[in-house]
């Protein structure tokens, strides 16, 4: 039995994606439905995938941040080395 909420409607209006609407209408929770099943059991019976709680973009963002940090540190090391080799005369 689908569970309709304001959040489900809002997500659908924002994304206009019928696949997401179907997944949102059948949440992967242990909420007890009127027929005695849990929402999670009903979702499994209909062949829907389990809820994906990972954040796929987070690993790419962390890798890009690490790369940027290492490049910045190497630039600073080169600049610091150059300034030590050729000190300014006052």
PDB file of N, CA and C in Angstrom:
ATOM      1  N   UNK A   1       0.845  -1.175   0.000  1.00  0.00           N
ATOM      2  CA  UNK A   1       0.000   0.000   0.000  1.00  0.00           C
ATOM      3  C   UNK A   1       0.894   1.242   0.000  1.00  0.00           C
ATOM      4  N   UNK A   2       0.755   2.087  -0.974  1.00  0.00           N
ATOM      5  CA  UNK A   2       1.582   3.291  -1.061  1.00  0.00           C
ATOM      6  C   UNK A   2       1.319   4.266   0.095  1.00  0.00           C
ATOM      7  N   UNK A   3       2.392   4.908   0.529  1.00  0.00           N
ATOM      8  CA  UNK A   3       2.283   5.917   1.574  1.00  0.00           C
ATOM      9  C   UNK A   3       2.529   7.289   0.956  1.00  0.00           C
ATOM     10  N   UNK A   4       1.483   8.083   0.859  1.00  0.00           N
ATOM     11  CA  UNK A   4       1.587   9.404   0.257  1.00  0.00           C
ATOM     12  C   UNK A   4       1.808  10.439   1.346  1.00  0.00           C
ATOM     13  N   UNK A   5       2.804  11.276   1.155  1.00  0.00           N
ATOM     14  CA  UNK A   5       3.090  12.347   2.115  1.00  0.00           C
ATOM     15  C   UNK A   5       3.452  13.618   1.348  1.00  0.00           C
ATOM     16  N   UNK A   6       3.567  14.706   2.078  1.00  0.00           N
ATOM     17  CA  UNK A   6       3.947  15.971   1.440  1.00  0.00           C
ATOM     18  C   UNK A   6       5.345  15.880   0.843  1.00  0.00           C
ATOM     19  N   UNK A   7       6.229  15.156   1.511  1.00  0.00           N
ATOM     20  CA  UNK A   7       7.595  14.999   1.018  1.00  0.00           C
ATOM     21  C   UNK A   7       7.622  14.244  -0.312  1.00  0.00           C
ATOM     22  N   UNK A   8       6.794  13.215  -0.429  1.00  0.00           N
ATOM     23  CA  UNK A   8       6.722  12.439  -1.669  1.00  0.00           C
ATOM     24  C   UNK A   8       6.237  13.329  -2.809  1.00  0.00           C
ATOM     25  N   UNK A   9       5.192  14.115  -2.553  1.00  0.00           N
ATOM     26  CA  UNK A   9       4.660  15.015  -3.574  1.00  0.00           C
ATOM     27  C   UNK A   9       5.702  16.060  -3.959  1.00  0.00           C
ATOM     28  N   UNK A  10       6.370  16.616  -2.968  1.00  0.00           N
ATOM     29  CA  UNK A  10       7.394  17.629  -3.216  1.00  0.00           C
ATOM     30  C   UNK A  10       8.541  17.071  -4.053  1.00  0.00           C
ATOM     31  N   UNK A  11       9.001  15.859  -3.715  1.00  0.00           N
ATOM     32  CA  UNK A  11      10.085  15.234  -4.488  1.00  0.00           C
ATOM     33  C   UNK A  11       9.672  14.999  -5.929  1.00  0.00           C
ATOM     34  N   UNK A  12       8.422  14.569  -6.133  1.00  0.00           N
ATOM     35  CA  UNK A  12       7.957  14.320  -7.491  1.00  0.00           C
ATOM     36  C   UNK A  12       7.850  15.615  -8.293  1.00  0.00           C
ATOM     37  N   UNK A  13       7.313  16.661  -7.677  1.00  0.00           N
ATOM     38  CA  UNK A  13       7.183  17.929  -8.392  1.00  0.00           C
ATOM     39  C   UNK A  13       8.551  18.517  -8.743  1.00  0.00           C
ATOM     40  N   UNK A  14       9.528  18.307  -7.864  1.00  0.00           N
ATOM     41  CA  UNK A  14      10.864  18.828  -8.100  1.00  0.00           C
ATOM     42  C   UNK A  14      11.595  18.036  -9.180  1.00  0.00           C
ATOM     43  N   UNK A  15      11.446  16.705  -9.160  1.00  0.00           N
ATOM     44  CA  UNK A  15      12.224  15.877 -10.085  1.00  0.00           C
ATOM     45  C   UNK A  15      11.453  15.474 -11.346  1.00  0.00           C
ATOM     46  N   UNK A  16      10.139  15.419 -11.269  1.00  0.00           N
ATOM     47  CA  UNK A  16       9.284  14.978 -12.370  1.00  0.00           C
ATOM     48  C   UNK A  16       9.728  13.596 -12.879  1.00  0.00           C
ATOM     49  N   UNK A  17      10.100  12.723 -11.925  1.00  0.00           N
ATOM     50  CA  UNK A  17      10.595  11.386 -12.252  1.00  0.00           C
ATOM     51  C   UNK A  17       9.629  10.348 -11.680  1.00  0.00           C
ATOM     52  N   UNK A  18       9.013   9.578 -12.564  1.00  0.00           N
ATOM     53  CA  UNK A  18       8.028   8.593 -12.121  1.00  0.00           C
ATOM     54  C   UNK A  18       8.682   7.410 -11.406  1.00  0.00           C
ATOM     55  N   UNK A  19       9.918   7.096 -11.745  1.00  0.00           N
ATOM     56  CA  UNK A  19      10.620   6.022 -11.035  1.00  0.00           C
ATOM     57  C   UNK A  19      10.840   6.394  -9.577  1.00  0.00           C
ATOM     58  N   UNK A  20      11.283   7.626  -9.370  1.00  0.00           N
ATOM     59  CA  UNK A  20      11.497   8.067  -7.998  1.00  0.00           C
ATOM     60  C   UNK A  20      10.180   8.127  -7.233  1.00  0.00           C
ATOM     61  N   UNK A  21       9.119   8.547  -7.904  1.00  0.00           N
ATOM     62  CA  UNK A  21       7.806   8.585  -7.266  1.00  0.00           C
ATOM     63  C   UNK A  21       7.407   7.192  -6.792  1.00  0.00           C
ATOM     64  N   UNK A  22       7.625   6.195  -7.634  1.00  0.00           N
ATOM     65  CA  UNK A  22       7.267   4.828  -7.238  1.00  0.00           C
ATOM     66  C   UNK A  22       8.084   4.369  -6.029  1.00  0.00           C
ATOM     67  N   UNK A  23       9.364   4.678  -6.023  1.00  0.00           N
ATOM     68  CA  UNK A  23      10.196   4.293  -4.886  1.00  0.00           C
ATOM     69  C   UNK A  23       9.811   5.061  -3.627  1.00  0.00           C
ATOM     70  N   UNK A  24       9.495   6.343  -3.775  1.00  0.00           N
ATOM     71  CA  UNK A  24       9.112   7.145  -2.613  1.00  0.00           C
ATOM     72  C   UNK A  24       7.760   6.730  -2.046  1.00  0.00           C
ATOM     73  N   UNK A  25       6.869   6.251  -2.896  1.00  0.00           N
ATOM     74  CA  UNK A  25       5.556   5.812  -2.425  1.00  0.00           C
ATOM     75  C   UNK A  25       5.645   4.520  -1.612  1.00  0.00           C
ATOM     76  N   UNK A  26       6.708   3.761  -1.810  1.00  0.00           N
ATOM     77  CA  UNK A  26       6.918   2.515  -1.071  1.00  0.00           C
ATOM     78  C   UNK A  26       8.229   2.643  -0.298  1.00  0.00           C
ATOM     79  N   UNK A  27       8.219   3.335   0.844  1.00  0.00           N
ATOM     80  CA  UNK A  27       9.471   3.590   1.564  1.00  0.00           C
ATOM     81  C   UNK A  27      10.054   2.300   2.149  1.00  0.00           C
ATOM     82  N   UNK A  28      11.348   2.297   2.322  1.00  0.00           N
ATOM     83  CA  UNK A  28      12.070   1.149   2.871  1.00  0.00           C
ATOM     84  C   UNK A  28      12.187   1.326   4.387  1.00  0.00           C
ATOM     85  N   UNK A  29      11.059   1.263   5.057  1.00  0.00           N
ATOM     86  CA  UNK A  29      11.025   1.445   6.505  1.00  0.00           C
ATOM     87  C   UNK A  29      10.228   0.312   7.127  1.00  0.00           C
ATOM     88  N   UNK A  30      10.214   0.223   8.432  1.00  0.00           N
ATOM     89  CA  UNK A  30       9.478  -0.835   9.131  1.00  0.00           C
ATOM     90  C   UNK A  30       8.108  -0.336   9.575  1.00  0.00           C
ATOM     91  N   UNK A  31       7.545   0.619   8.854  1.00  0.00           N
ATOM     92  CA  UNK A  31       6.221   1.164   9.148  1.00  0.00           C
ATOM     93  C   UNK A  31       5.163   0.082   8.932  1.00  0.00           C
ATOM     94  N   UNK A  32       4.277  -0.108   9.907  1.00  0.00           N
ATOM     95  CA  UNK A  32       3.237  -1.132   9.805  1.00  0.00           C
ATOM     96  C   UNK A  32       2.092  -0.624   8.939  1.00  0.00           C
ATOM     97  N   UNK A  33       1.743  -1.392   7.921  1.00  0.00           N
ATOM     98  CA  UNK A  33       0.659  -1.045   7.002  1.00  0.00           C
ATOM     99  C   UNK A  33      -0.663  -1.625   7.516  1.00  0.00           C
ATOM    100  N   UNK A  34      -1.793  -1.136   7.022  1.00  0.00           N
ATOM    101  CA  UNK A  34      -3.094  -1.633   7.476  1.00  0.00           C
ATOM    102  C   UNK A  34      -3.311  -3.133   7.264  1.00  0.00           C
ATOM    103  N   UNK A  35      -2.636  -3.732   6.264  1.00  0.00           N
ATOM    104  CA  UNK A  35      -2.833  -5.166   6.010  1.00  0.00           C
ATOM    105  C   UNK A  35      -1.932  -6.042   6.884  1.00  0.00           C
ATOM    106  N   UNK A  36      -1.188  -5.448   7.796  1.00  0.00           N
ATOM    107  CA  UNK A  36      -0.355  -6.196   8.724  1.00  0.00           C
ATOM    108  C   UNK A  36       1.085  -6.351   8.283  1.00  0.00           C
ATOM    109  N   UNK A  37       1.397  -6.048   7.041  1.00  0.00           N
ATOM    110  CA  UNK A  37       2.773  -6.118   6.556  1.00  0.00           C
ATOM    111  C   UNK A  37       3.509  -4.832   6.930  1.00  0.00           C
ATOM    112  N   UNK A  38       4.818  -4.904   6.849  1.00  0.00           N
ATOM    113  CA  UNK A  38       5.597  -3.681   6.972  1.00  0.00           C
ATOM    114  C   UNK A  38       5.861  -3.153   5.567  1.00  0.00           C
ATOM    115  N   UNK A  39       6.141  -1.876   5.476  1.00  0.00           N
ATOM    116  CA  UNK A  39       6.421  -1.269   4.173  1.00  0.00           C
ATOM    117  C   UNK A  39       7.652  -1.909   3.541  1.00  0.00           C
ATOM    118  N   UNK A  40       8.605  -2.300   4.366  1.00  0.00           N
ATOM    119  CA  UNK A  40       9.821  -2.926   3.857  1.00  0.00           C
ATOM    120  C   UNK A  40       9.517  -4.289   3.224  1.00  0.00           C
ATOM    121  N   UNK A  41       8.629  -5.077   3.845  1.00  0.00           N
ATOM    122  CA  UNK A  41       8.258  -6.372   3.282  1.00  0.00           C
ATOM    123  C   UNK A  41       7.535  -6.201   1.951  1.00  0.00           C
ATOM    124  N   UNK A  42       6.638  -5.230   1.891  1.00  0.00           N
ATOM    125  CA  UNK A  42       5.906  -4.992   0.651  1.00  0.00           C
ATOM    126  C   UNK A  42       6.846  -4.570  -0.472  1.00  0.00           C
ATOM    127  N   UNK A  43       7.826  -3.774  -0.118  1.00  0.00           N
ATOM    128  CA  UNK A  43       8.795  -3.330  -1.122  1.00  0.00           C
ATOM    129  C   UNK A  43       9.589  -4.513  -1.663  1.00  0.00           C
ATOM    130  N   UNK A  44       9.969  -5.440  -0.795  1.00  0.00           N
ATOM    131  CA  UNK A  44      10.708  -6.627  -1.226  1.00  0.00           C
ATOM    132  C   UNK A  44       9.843  -7.525  -2.104  1.00  0.00           C
ATOM    133  N   UNK A  45       8.553  -7.654  -1.775  1.00  0.00           N
ATOM    134  CA  UNK A  45       7.658  -8.505  -2.553  1.00  0.00           C
ATOM    135  C   UNK A  45       7.440  -7.965  -3.963  1.00  0.00           C
ATOM    136  N   UNK A  46       7.474  -6.660  -4.113  1.00  0.00           N
ATOM    137  CA  UNK A  46       7.271  -6.074  -5.443  1.00  0.00           C
ATOM    138  C   UNK A  46       8.558  -6.015  -6.252  1.00  0.00           C
ATOM    139  N   UNK A  47       9.673  -6.474  -5.673  1.00  0.00           N
ATOM    140  CA  UNK A  47      10.931  -6.532  -6.400  1.00  0.00           C
ATOM    141  C   UNK A  47      11.683  -5.210  -6.468  1.00  0.00           C
ATOM    142  N   UNK A  48      11.364  -4.299  -5.571  1.00  0.00           N
ATOM    143  CA  UNK A  48      12.070  -3.012  -5.562  1.00  0.00           C
ATOM    144  C   UNK A  48      13.418  -3.167  -4.877  1.00  0.00           C
ATOM    145  N   UNK A  49      14.406  -2.398  -5.300  1.00  0.00           N
ATOM    146  CA  UNK A  49      15.733  -2.500  -4.682  1.00  0.00           C
ATOM    147  C   UNK A  49      15.719  -1.906  -3.280  1.00  0.00           C
ATOM    148  N   UNK A  50      16.673  -2.305  -2.447  1.00  0.00           N
ATOM    149  CA  UNK A  50      16.761  -1.685  -1.120  1.00  0.00           C
ATOM    150  C   UNK A  50      17.158  -0.223  -1.240  1.00  0.00           C
ATOM    151  N   UNK A  51      16.863   0.527  -0.225  1.00  0.00           N
ATOM    152  CA  UNK A  51      17.172   1.955  -0.226  1.00  0.00           C
ATOM    153  C   UNK A  51      18.679   2.169  -0.294  1.00  0.00           C
ATOM    154  N   UNK A  52      19.095   3.059  -1.148  1.00  0.00           N
ATOM    155  CA  UNK A  52      20.505   3.379  -1.306  1.00  0.00           C
ATOM    156  C   UNK A  52      20.828   4.557  -0.407  1.00  0.00           C
ATOM    157  N   UNK A  53      21.593   4.307   0.643  1.00  0.00           N
ATOM    158  CA  UNK A  53      21.918   5.372   1.585  1.00  0.00           C
ATOM    159  C   UNK A  53      23.313   5.943   1.362  1.00  0.00           C
ATOM    160  N   UNK A  54      24.044   5.357   0.415  1.00  0.00           N
ATOM    161  CA  UNK A  54      25.379   5.887   0.135  1.00  0.00           C
ATOM    162  C   UNK A  54      25.269   7.192  -0.640  1.00  0.00           C
ATOM    163  N   UNK A  55      26.325   7.929  -0.607  1.00  0.00           N
ATOM    164  CA  UNK A  55      26.370   9.201  -1.324  1.00  0.00           C
ATOM    165  C   UNK A  55      27.460   9.086  -2.381  1.00  0.00           C
ATOM    166  N   UNK A  56      27.092   8.718  -3.607  1.00  0.00           N
ATOM    167  CA  UNK A  56      28.095   8.396  -4.623  1.00  0.00           C
ATOM    168  C   UNK A  56      29.009   9.560  -4.986  1.00  0.00           C
ATOM    169  N   UNK A  57      28.549  10.771  -4.920  1.00  0.00           N
ATOM    170  CA  UNK A  57      29.370  11.911  -5.285  1.00  0.00           C
ATOM    171  C   UNK A  57      30.379  12.295  -4.224  1.00  0.00           C
ATOM    172  N   UNK A  58      30.191  11.805  -3.004  1.00  0.00           N
ATOM    173  CA  UNK A  58      31.056  12.200  -1.908  1.00  0.00           C
ATOM    174  C   UNK A  58      32.489  11.693  -2.091  1.00  0.00           C
ATOM    175  N   UNK A  59      32.652  10.470  -2.583  1.00  0.00           N
ATOM    176  CA  UNK A  59      33.999   9.921  -2.793  1.00  0.00           C
ATOM    177  C   UNK A  59      34.741  10.717  -3.867  1.00  0.00           C
ATOM    178  N   UNK A  60      34.044  11.079  -4.941  1.00  0.00           N
ATOM    179  CA  UNK A  60      34.681  11.860  -6.006  1.00  0.00           C
ATOM    180  C   UNK A  60      35.067  13.244  -5.508  1.00  0.00           C
ATOM    181  N   UNK A  61      34.218  13.824  -4.688  1.00  0.00           N
ATOM    182  CA  UNK A  61      34.506  15.134  -4.121  1.00  0.00           C
ATOM    183  C   UNK A  61      35.719  15.074  -3.192  1.00  0.00           C
ATOM    184  N   UNK A  62      35.803  14.043  -2.372  1.00  0.00           N
ATOM    185  CA  UNK A  62      36.940  13.883  -1.465  1.00  0.00           C
ATOM    186  C   UNK A  62      38.233  13.671  -2.252  1.00  0.00           C
ATOM    187  N   UNK A  63      38.165  12.891  -3.334  1.00  0.00           N
ATOM    188  CA  UNK A  63      39.359  12.654  -4.161  1.00  0.00           C
ATOM    189  C   UNK A  63      39.821  13.945  -4.826  1.00  0.00           C
ATOM    190  N   UNK A  64      38.889  14.738  -5.328  1.00  0.00           N
ATOM    191  CA  UNK A  64      39.236  16.010  -5.959  1.00  0.00           C
ATOM    192  C   UNK A  64      39.836  16.965  -4.933  1.00  0.00           C
ATOM    193  N   UNK A  65      39.308  16.961  -3.717  1.00  0.00           N
ATOM    194  CA  UNK A  65      39.837  17.819  -2.658  1.00  0.00           C
ATOM    195  C   UNK A  65      41.258  17.395  -2.297  1.00  0.00           C
ATOM    196  N   UNK A  66      41.493  16.087  -2.213  1.00  0.00           N
ATOM    197  CA  UNK A  66      42.829  15.592  -1.899  1.00  0.00           C
ATOM    198  C   UNK A  66      43.822  15.985  -2.987  1.00  0.00           C
ATOM    199  N   UNK A  67      43.421  15.850  -4.246  1.00  0.00           N
ATOM    200  CA  UNK A  67      44.281  16.217  -5.367  1.00  0.00           C
ATOM    201  C   UNK A  67      44.604  17.707  -5.329  1.00  0.00           C
ATOM    202  N   UNK A  68      43.589  18.526  -5.101  1.00  0.00           N
ATOM    203  CA  UNK A  68      43.797  19.975  -5.038  1.00  0.00           C
ATOM    204  C   UNK A  68      44.731  20.338  -3.877  1.00  0.00           C
ATOM    205  N   UNK A  69      44.537  19.692  -2.730  1.00  0.00           N
ATOM    206  CA  UNK A  69      45.384  19.973  -1.568  1.00  0.00           C
ATOM    207  C   UNK A  69      46.833  19.593  -1.836  1.00  0.00           C
ATOM    208  N   UNK A  70      47.038  18.430  -2.457  1.00  0.00           N
ATOM    209  CA  UNK A  70      48.421  18.007  -2.722  1.00  0.00           C
ATOM    210  C   UNK A  70      49.088  18.914  -3.753  1.00  0.00           C
ATOM    211  N   UNK A  71      48.335  19.363  -4.758  1.00  0.00           N
ATOM    212  CA  UNK A  71      48.905  20.289  -5.743  1.00  0.00           C
ATOM    213  C   UNK A  71      49.257  21.625  -5.085  1.00  0.00           C
ATOM    214  N   UNK A  72      48.385  22.113  -4.230  1.00  0.00           N
ATOM    215  CA  UNK A  72      48.639  23.378  -3.549  1.00  0.00           C
ATOM    216  C   UNK A  72      49.852  23.267  -2.638  1.00  0.00           C
ATOM    217  N   UNK A  73      49.965  22.159  -1.918  1.00  0.00           N
ATOM    218  CA  UNK A  73      51.120  21.971  -1.037  1.00  0.00           C
ATOM    219  C   UNK A  73      52.414  21.881  -1.836  1.00  0.00           C
ATOM    220  N   UNK A  74      52.382  21.195  -2.966  1.00  0.00           N
ATOM    221  CA  UNK A  74      53.608  21.097  -3.771  1.00  0.00           C
ATOM    222  C   UNK A  74      53.989  22.463  -4.340  1.00  0.00           C
ATOM    223  N   UNK A  75      52.999  23.267  -4.731  1.00  0.00           N
ATOM    224  CA  UNK A  75      53.298  24.628  -5.197  1.00  0.00           C
ATOM    225  C   UNK A  75      53.920  25.456  -4.087  1.00  0.00           C
ATOM    226  N   UNK A  76      53.393  25.335  -2.885  1.00  0.00           N
ATOM    227  CA  UNK A  76      53.954  26.078  -1.756  1.00  0.00           C
ATOM    228  C   UNK A  76      55.371  25.619  -1.433  1.00  0.00           C
ATOM    229  N   UNK A  77      55.607  24.316  -1.534  1.00  0.00           N
ATOM    230  CA  UNK A  77      56.949  23.805  -1.270  1.00  0.00           C
ATOM    231  C   UNK A  77      57.938  24.314  -2.314  1.00  0.00           C
ATOM    232  N   UNK A  78      57.513  24.329  -3.588  1.00  0.00           N
ATOM    233  CA  UNK A  78      58.400  24.855  -4.638  1.00  0.00           C
ATOM    234  C   UNK A  78      58.675  26.335  -4.410  1.00  0.00           C
ATOM    235  N   UNK A  79      57.661  27.098  -4.077  1.00  0.00           N
ATOM    236  CA  UNK A  79      57.847  28.536  -3.848  1.00  0.00           C
ATOM    237  C   UNK A  79      58.746  28.775  -2.644  1.00  0.00           C
ATOM    238  N   UNK A  80      58.567  27.966  -1.617  1.00  0.00           N
ATOM    239  CA  UNK A  80      59.388  28.124  -0.412  1.00  0.00           C
ATOM    240  C   UNK A  80      60.834  27.736  -0.693  1.00  0.00           C
ATOM    241  N   UNK A  81      61.075  26.706  -1.464  1.00  0.00           N
ATOM    242  CA  UNK A  81      62.418  26.261  -1.815  1.00  0.00           C
ATOM    243  C   UNK A  81      63.110  27.314  -2.675  1.00  0.00           C
ATOM    244  N   UNK A  82      62.402  27.875  -3.628  1.00  0.00           N
ATOM    245  CA  UNK A  82      62.977  28.895  -4.494  1.00  0.00           C
ATOM    246  C   UNK A  82      63.353  30.123  -3.680  1.00  0.00           C
ATOM    247  N   UNK A  83      62.546  30.527  -2.739  1.00  0.00           N
ATOM    248  CA  UNK A  83      62.858  31.709  -1.961  1.00  0.00           C
ATOM    249  C   UNK A  83      64.044  31.477  -1.022  1.00  0.00           C
ATOM    250  N   UNK A  84      64.292  30.231  -0.606  1.00  0.00           N
ATOM    251  CA  UNK A  84      65.437  29.943   0.232  1.00  0.00           C
ATOM    252  C   UNK A  84      66.720  29.887  -0.591  1.00  0.00           C
ATOM    253  N   UNK A  85      66.641  29.444  -1.836  1.00  0.00           N
ATOM    254  CA  UNK A  85      67.825  29.356  -2.673  1.00  0.00           C
ATOM    255  C   UNK A  85      68.290  30.737  -3.124  1.00  0.00           C
ATOM    256  N   UNK A  86      67.352  31.634  -3.330  1.00  0.00           N
ATOM    257  CA  UNK A  86      67.695  32.968  -3.793  1.00  0.00           C
ATOM    258  C   UNK A  86      67.114  34.011  -2.834  1.00  0.00           C
ATOM    259  N   UNK A  87      67.755  34.202  -1.696  1.00  0.00           N
ATOM    260  CA  UNK A  87      67.204  35.158  -0.745  1.00  0.00           C
ATOM    261  C   UNK A  87      67.331  36.587  -1.284  1.00  0.00           C
ATOM    262  N   UNK A  88      66.367  37.384  -0.909  1.00  0.00           N
ATOM    263  CA  UNK A  88      66.406  38.802  -1.322  1.00  0.00           C
ATOM    264  C   UNK A  88      67.451  39.534  -0.494  1.00  0.00           C
ATOM    265  N   UNK A  89      68.206  40.346  -1.173  1.00  0.00           N
ATOM    266  CA  UNK A  89      69.212  41.153  -0.482  1.00  0.00           C
ATOM    267  C   UNK A  89      68.592  42.494  -0.099  1.00  0.00           C
ATOM    268  N   UNK A  90      68.780  42.887   1.117  1.00  0.00           N
ATOM    269  CA  UNK A  90      68.131  44.095   1.576  1.00  0.00           C
ATOM    270  C   UNK A  90      68.888  45.320   1.517  1.00  0.00           C
TER     271      UNK A  90
END
